[in-house]
Amino acid sequence: MPERHEWSILFYTDERGYEPVREFLGTVDRKTRARFAWSIEQLRVRNVQAREPLVRHLEGKIWELREESQTNIYRLLYAFVDGRRILFLHGFQKKEQRTRRREIEMAQRRLDAFQRQLGGE
């Protein structure tokens, strides 16, 4: 059982039970998945004190967890939510220098849906 001061990890789940970040992680190679597991644990431990190159703030409540593999760049978008929780919202392979607006908007829509499910935050 986690101690009261520890942070926990959540994965966004839509109303049908679909978990897009877990689905995304299932599409990457085993080595990248292992690297993400390590990075997610580092974020859980460091939480709001995590800094680049591990994480980067994008806008509002949306942050990105950064991971690279030989020739690919991957991102998991997340937000801090009440109760010392880190909610992973969206995962994708990055193909451009800047994170595309549509990726951030997807994460924001999922965060909004999560907050509606809880009755607002």
C-alpha atoms as a PDB file:
ATOM      1  CA  MET A   1       0.000   0.000   0.000  1.00  0.00           C
ATOM      2  CA  PRO A   2       1.491   3.386  -0.983  1.00  0.00           C
ATOM      3  CA  GLU A   3       2.415   5.764   1.775  1.00  0.00           C
ATOM      4  CA  ARG A   4       0.252   8.851   2.130  1.00  0.00           C
ATOM      5  CA  HIS A   5       2.901  11.174   0.686  1.00  0.00           C
ATOM      6  CA  GLU A   6       3.621   9.043  -2.400  1.00  0.00           C
ATOM      7  CA  TRP A   7       2.227   9.872  -5.805  1.00  0.00           C
ATOM      8  CA  SER A   8       0.289   7.370  -7.894  1.00  0.00           C
ATOM      9  CA  ILE A   9      -0.030   6.787 -11.629  1.00  0.00           C
ATOM     10  CA  LEU A  10      -3.363   6.651 -13.460  1.00  0.00           C
ATOM     11  CA  PHE A  11      -4.119   5.988 -17.103  1.00  0.00           C
ATOM     12  CA  TYR A  12      -7.057   7.786 -18.681  1.00  0.00           C
ATOM     13  CA  THR A  13      -9.951   5.419 -19.401  1.00  0.00           C
ATOM     14  CA  ASP A  14     -12.892   6.511 -21.538  1.00  0.00           C
ATOM     15  CA  GLU A  15     -16.531   5.612 -20.900  1.00  0.00           C
ATOM     16  CA  ARG A  16     -16.160   2.358 -22.898  1.00  0.00           C
ATOM     17  CA  GLY A  17     -13.133   1.219 -20.872  1.00  0.00           C
ATOM     18  CA  TYR A  18     -10.573   2.086 -23.581  1.00  0.00           C
ATOM     19  CA  GLU A  19      -7.143   3.095 -22.227  1.00  0.00           C
ATOM     20  CA  PRO A  20      -5.383   4.977 -25.063  1.00  0.00           C
ATOM     21  CA  VAL A  21      -1.989   5.334 -23.368  1.00  0.00           C
ATOM     22  CA  ARG A  22      -1.781   1.640 -22.473  1.00  0.00           C
ATOM     23  CA  GLU A  23      -2.834   0.867 -26.055  1.00  0.00           C
ATOM     24  CA  PHE A  24      -0.096   3.150 -27.379  1.00  0.00           C
ATOM     25  CA  LEU A  25       2.530   1.567 -25.119  1.00  0.00           C
ATOM     26  CA  GLY A  26       1.541  -1.803 -26.549  1.00  0.00           C
ATOM     27  CA  THR A  27       2.562  -0.605 -30.029  1.00  0.00           C
ATOM     28  CA  VAL A  28       6.156   0.343 -29.204  1.00  0.00           C
ATOM     29  CA  ASP A  29       9.038  -2.118 -29.126  1.00  0.00           C
ATOM     30  CA  ARG A  30       9.958  -3.952 -25.920  1.00  0.00           C
ATOM     31  CA  LYS A  31      13.051  -1.823 -25.247  1.00  0.00           C
ATOM     32  CA  THR A  32      11.119   1.442 -25.599  1.00  0.00           C
ATOM     33  CA  ARG A  33       8.337   0.081 -23.384  1.00  0.00           C
ATOM     34  CA  ALA A  34      10.938  -0.749 -20.713  1.00  0.00           C
ATOM     35  CA  ARG A  35      12.401   2.749 -20.986  1.00  0.00           C
ATOM     36  CA  PHE A  36       8.935   4.236 -20.568  1.00  0.00           C
ATOM     37  CA  ALA A  37       8.349   2.063 -17.485  1.00  0.00           C
ATOM     38  CA  TRP A  38      11.556   3.477 -15.970  1.00  0.00           C
ATOM     39  CA  SER A  39      10.620   7.057 -16.951  1.00  0.00           C
ATOM     40  CA  ILE A  40       7.109   6.728 -15.528  1.00  0.00           C
ATOM     41  CA  GLU A  41       8.548   5.516 -12.229  1.00  0.00           C
ATOM     42  CA  GLN A  42      11.031   8.419 -12.196  1.00  0.00           C
ATOM     43  CA  LEU A  43       8.133  10.825 -12.744  1.00  0.00           C
ATOM     44  CA  ARG A  44       6.116   9.171  -9.970  1.00  0.00           C
ATOM     45  CA  VAL A  45       9.012   9.621  -7.548  1.00  0.00           C
ATOM     46  CA  ARG A  46       9.987  13.153  -8.654  1.00  0.00           C
ATOM     47  CA  ASN A  47       6.427  14.285  -9.549  1.00  0.00           C
ATOM     48  CA  VAL A  48       6.165  18.102  -9.664  1.00  0.00           C
ATOM     49  CA  GLN A  49       9.940  18.427  -9.210  1.00  0.00           C
ATOM     50  CA  ALA A  50      10.795  16.518 -12.401  1.00  0.00           C
ATOM     51  CA  ARG A  51      12.601  18.610 -15.015  1.00  0.00           C
ATOM     52  CA  GLU A  52      14.049  18.369 -18.524  1.00  0.00           C
ATOM     53  CA  PRO A  53      15.155  16.198 -20.174  1.00  0.00           C
ATOM     54  CA  LEU A  54      12.673  13.786 -18.497  1.00  0.00           C
ATOM     55  CA  VAL A  55       9.642  16.075 -18.790  1.00  0.00           C
ATOM     56  CA  ARG A  56       8.613  19.401 -20.274  1.00  0.00           C
ATOM     57  CA  HIS A  57       5.631  21.652 -19.613  1.00  0.00           C
ATOM     58  CA  LEU A  58       3.535  22.251 -22.739  1.00  0.00           C
ATOM     59  CA  GLU A  59       0.659  24.470 -21.645  1.00  0.00           C
ATOM     60  CA  GLY A  60      -1.943  24.805 -18.926  1.00  0.00           C
ATOM     61  CA  LYS A  61      -2.032  21.535 -16.984  1.00  0.00           C
ATOM     62  CA  ILE A  62      -0.517  19.492 -19.827  1.00  0.00           C
ATOM     63  CA  TRP A  63       3.037  18.126 -19.545  1.00  0.00           C
ATOM     64  CA  GLU A  64       4.989  15.661 -21.672  1.00  0.00           C
ATOM     65  CA  LEU A  65       7.109  12.704 -20.603  1.00  0.00           C
ATOM     66  CA  ARG A  66       9.894  12.410 -23.153  1.00  0.00           C
ATOM     67  CA  GLU A  67      11.460   9.242 -24.512  1.00  0.00           C
ATOM     68  CA  GLU A  68      13.720   8.507 -27.434  1.00  0.00           C
ATOM     69  CA  SER A  69      14.674   5.283 -29.085  1.00  0.00           C
ATOM     70  CA  GLN A  70      17.344   4.899 -31.778  1.00  0.00           C
ATOM     71  CA  THR A  71      15.515   6.788 -34.522  1.00  0.00           C
ATOM     72  CA  ASN A  72      12.139   7.586 -32.954  1.00  0.00           C
ATOM     73  CA  ILE A  73      10.920  10.181 -30.502  1.00  0.00           C
ATOM     74  CA  TYR A  74       7.920   9.380 -28.316  1.00  0.00           C
ATOM     75  CA  ARG A  75       5.829  11.399 -25.918  1.00  0.00           C
ATOM     76  CA  LEU A  76       3.277  10.635 -23.232  1.00  0.00           C
ATOM     77  CA  LEU A  77       1.140  13.627 -22.285  1.00  0.00           C
ATOM     78  CA  TYR A  78      -0.046  13.837 -18.695  1.00  0.00           C
ATOM     79  CA  ALA A  79      -1.438  16.129 -16.012  1.00  0.00           C
ATOM     80  CA  PHE A  80      -1.219  16.316 -12.242  1.00  0.00           C
ATOM     81  CA  VAL A  81      -4.632  15.779 -10.660  1.00  0.00           C
ATOM     82  CA  ASP A  82      -5.841  16.054  -7.095  1.00  0.00           C
ATOM     83  CA  GLY A  83      -4.804  13.510  -4.537  1.00  0.00           C
ATOM     84  CA  ARG A  84      -1.160  13.362  -5.674  1.00  0.00           C
ATOM     85  CA  ARG A  85      -2.008  11.559  -8.886  1.00  0.00           C
ATOM     86  CA  ILE A  86      -0.394  11.699 -12.310  1.00  0.00           C
ATOM     87  CA  LEU A  87      -2.900  11.042 -15.083  1.00  0.00           C
ATOM     88  CA  PHE A  88      -1.507   9.850 -18.419  1.00  0.00           C
ATOM     89  CA  LEU A  89      -3.757  11.132 -21.187  1.00  0.00           C
ATOM     90  CA  HIS A  90      -2.221  10.562 -24.613  1.00  0.00           C
ATOM     91  CA  GLY A  91       0.775   8.860 -26.253  1.00  0.00           C
ATOM     92  CA  PHE A  92       2.247   9.348 -29.708  1.00  0.00           C
ATOM     93  CA  GLN A  93       5.343   9.205 -31.869  1.00  0.00           C
ATOM     94  CA  LYS A  94       6.689  12.679 -32.448  1.00  0.00           C
ATOM     95  CA  LYS A  95       7.588  13.459 -36.048  1.00  0.00           C
ATOM     96  CA  GLU A  96       8.144  17.216 -35.953  1.00  0.00           C
ATOM     97  CA  GLN A  97      10.264  19.626 -33.930  1.00  0.00           C
ATOM     98  CA  ARG A  98       7.304  21.027 -32.001  1.00  0.00           C
ATOM     99  CA  THR A  99       4.498  19.003 -30.468  1.00  0.00           C
ATOM    100  CA  ARG A 100       1.499  19.293 -32.766  1.00  0.00           C
ATOM    101  CA  ARG A 101      -1.451  21.293 -31.532  1.00  0.00           C
ATOM    102  CA  ARG A 102      -3.811  18.360 -32.161  1.00  0.00           C
ATOM    103  CA  GLU A 103      -1.830  16.169 -29.732  1.00  0.00           C
ATOM    104  CA  ILE A 104      -2.142  18.764 -26.962  1.00  0.00           C
ATOM    105  CA  GLU A 105      -5.835  19.254 -27.733  1.00  0.00           C
ATOM    106  CA  MET A 106      -6.440  15.491 -27.511  1.00  0.00           C
ATOM    107  CA  ALA A 107      -4.824  15.407 -24.072  1.00  0.00           C
ATOM    108  CA  GLN A 108      -6.873  18.422 -22.962  1.00  0.00           C
ATOM    109  CA  ARG A 109     -10.139  16.829 -24.147  1.00  0.00           C
ATOM    110  CA  ARG A 110      -9.320  13.683 -22.178  1.00  0.00           C
ATOM    111  CA  LEU A 111      -8.409  15.707 -19.090  1.00  0.00           C
ATOM    112  CA  ASP A 112     -11.720  17.576 -19.374  1.00  0.00           C
ATOM    113  CA  ALA A 113     -13.593  14.269 -19.713  1.00  0.00           C
ATOM    114  CA  PHE A 114     -11.775  12.851 -16.677  1.00  0.00           C
ATOM    115  CA  GLN A 115     -12.726  15.899 -14.630  1.00  0.00           C
ATOM    116  CA  ARG A 116     -16.364  15.597 -15.759  1.00  0.00           C
ATOM    117  CA  GLN A 117     -16.348  11.938 -14.685  1.00  0.00           C
ATOM    118  CA  LEU A 118     -15.238  13.046 -11.226  1.00  0.00           C
ATOM    119  CA  GLY A 119     -17.764  15.863 -11.103  1.00  0.00           C
ATOM    120  CA  GLY A 120     -15.181  18.578 -11.711  1.00  0.00           C
ATOM    121  CA  GLU A 121     -11.928  19.544 -10.090  1.00  0.00           C
END
